C-alpha atoms as a PDB file:
ATOM      1  CA  MET A   1      27.694 -26.499-195.198  1.00  0.00           C
ATOM      2  CA  GLN A   2      27.061 -25.256-198.331  1.00  0.00           C
ATOM      3  CA  GLN A   3      26.664 -21.373-198.947  1.00  0.00           C
ATOM      4  CA  ARG A   4      23.372 -20.399-200.344  1.00  0.00           C
ATOM      5  CA  ARG A   5      23.749 -18.908-203.855  1.00  0.00           C
ATOM      6  CA  SER A   6      21.265 -16.422-205.317  1.00  0.00           C
ATOM      7  CA  LEU A   7      19.839 -17.385-208.729  1.00  0.00           C
ATOM      8  CA  MET A   8      19.687 -13.775-209.780  1.00  0.00           C
ATOM      9  CA  GLY A   9      23.342 -13.121-208.537  1.00  0.00           C
ATOM     10  CA  ARG A  10      23.826  -9.967-206.185  1.00  0.00           C
ATOM     11  CA  PRO A  11      20.798  -8.615-204.409  1.00  0.00           C
ATOM     12  CA  THR A  12      19.157  -5.044-205.659  1.00  0.00           C
ATOM     13  CA  GLY A  13      20.818  -2.040-204.151  1.00  0.00           C
ATOM     14  CA  THR A  14      24.051  -3.494-203.396  1.00  0.00           C
ATOM     15  CA  ASP A  15      25.643  -2.629-206.550  1.00  0.00           C
ATOM     16  CA  GLY A  16      26.360   0.836-205.995  1.00  0.00           C
ATOM     17  CA  SER A  17      23.269   2.103-207.998  1.00  0.00           C
ATOM     18  CA  ASP A  18      21.505   3.435-204.930  1.00  0.00           C
ATOM     19  CA  PHE A  19      23.869   6.007-204.408  1.00  0.00           C
ATOM     20  CA  SER A  20      21.218   8.946-205.017  1.00  0.00           C
ATOM     21  CA  TYR A  21      19.146   7.467-202.156  1.00  0.00           C
ATOM     22  CA  ARG A  22      21.661   7.342-199.426  1.00  0.00           C
ATOM     23  CA  MET A  23      21.778   9.712-196.744  1.00  0.00           C
ATOM     24  CA  THR A  24      23.874  13.023-196.708  1.00  0.00           C
ATOM     25  CA  VAL A  25      24.945  15.388-194.173  1.00  0.00           C
ATOM     26  CA  ASP A  26      22.498  18.506-194.242  1.00  0.00           C
ATOM     27  CA  SER A  27      24.122  21.691-195.406  1.00  0.00           C
ATOM     28  CA  ARG A  28      23.165  23.502-192.139  1.00  0.00           C
ATOM     29  CA  TYR A  29      25.464  20.630-190.190  1.00  0.00           C
ATOM     30  CA  GLN A  30      28.363  21.344-192.637  1.00  0.00           C
ATOM     31  CA  LYS A  31      28.124  24.993-192.037  1.00  0.00           C
ATOM     32  CA  VAL A  32      28.300  24.229-188.592  1.00  0.00           C
ATOM     33  CA  ALA A  33      31.286  22.135-188.826  1.00  0.00           C
ATOM     34  CA  GLN A  34      32.782  24.847-191.025  1.00  0.00           C
ATOM     35  CA  GLY A  35      32.173  27.427-188.517  1.00  0.00           C
ATOM     36  CA  ARG A  36      33.744  25.530-185.505  1.00  0.00           C
ATOM     37  CA  SER A  37      36.857  24.907-187.617  1.00  0.00           C
ATOM     38  CA  GLN A  38      37.119  28.628-188.221  1.00  0.00           C
ATOM     39  CA  LEU A  39      36.528  29.349-184.614  1.00  0.00           C
ATOM     40  CA  GLN A  40      39.184  26.837-183.540  1.00  0.00           C
ATOM     41  CA  THR A  41      41.634  28.584-186.058  1.00  0.00           C
ATOM     42  CA  LEU A  42      40.902  32.107-184.647  1.00  0.00           C
ATOM     43  CA  ILE A  43      41.268  30.952-181.209  1.00  0.00           C
ATOM     44  CA  SER A  44      44.587  29.232-181.882  1.00  0.00           C
ATOM     45  CA  ILE A  45      45.897  32.608-183.758  1.00  0.00           C
ATOM     46  CA  GLN A  46      44.658  34.773-180.658  1.00  0.00           C
ATOM     47  CA  ALA A  47      46.599  32.289-178.262  1.00  0.00           C
ATOM     48  CA  VAL A  48      49.630  32.515-180.313  1.00  0.00           C
ATOM     49  CA  VAL A  49      49.440  36.617-180.363  1.00  0.00           C
ATOM     50  CA  GLN A  50      49.010  36.702-176.562  1.00  0.00           C
ATOM     51  CA  LEU A  51      51.686  34.222-175.957  1.00  0.00           C
ATOM     52  CA  ILE A  52      54.209  36.418-178.004  1.00  0.00           C
ATOM     53  CA  ARG A  53      52.856  39.759-175.820  1.00  0.00           C
ATOM     54  CA  ALA A  54      53.493  37.875-172.634  1.00  0.00           C
ATOM     55  CA  VAL A  55      57.083  36.966-173.885  1.00  0.00           C
ATOM     56  CA  CYS A  56      57.653  40.638-174.709  1.00  0.00           C
ATOM     57  CA  LEU A  57      56.227  41.943-171.653  1.00  0.00           C
ATOM     58  CA  ALA A  58      58.451  39.427-169.477  1.00  0.00           C
ATOM     59  CA  LEU A  59      61.679  40.522-171.613  1.00  0.00           C
ATOM     60  CA  SER A  60      60.748  44.344-171.153  1.00  0.00           C
ATOM     61  CA  ILE A  61      60.154  43.725-167.346  1.00  0.00           C
ATOM     62  CA  SER A  62      63.415  41.752-166.843  1.00  0.00           C
ATOM     63  CA  LYS A  63      65.234  44.572-168.659  1.00  0.00           C
ATOM     64  CA  GLY A  64      63.945  47.053-166.335  1.00  0.00           C
ATOM     65  CA  LYS A  65      61.849  48.772-168.894  1.00  0.00           C
ATOM     66  CA  CYS A  66      58.104  48.922-167.975  1.00  0.00           C
ATOM     67  CA  PRO A  67      55.686  49.540-171.014  1.00  0.00           C
END
């Protein structure tokens, strides 16, 4: 079968010239995503701190020193 070829070439809007009309992510959703990322970072830091405190407590108890 023969492929159809347009006499005008490429159809309008497919050459990248429609970039200003493309959908973008709203700023409020970008802020939510950024907030979630920051919250995840803070939770991870808090988990590491709690783990360090638990290890220190376990070591002090094993040495017979209670805080």
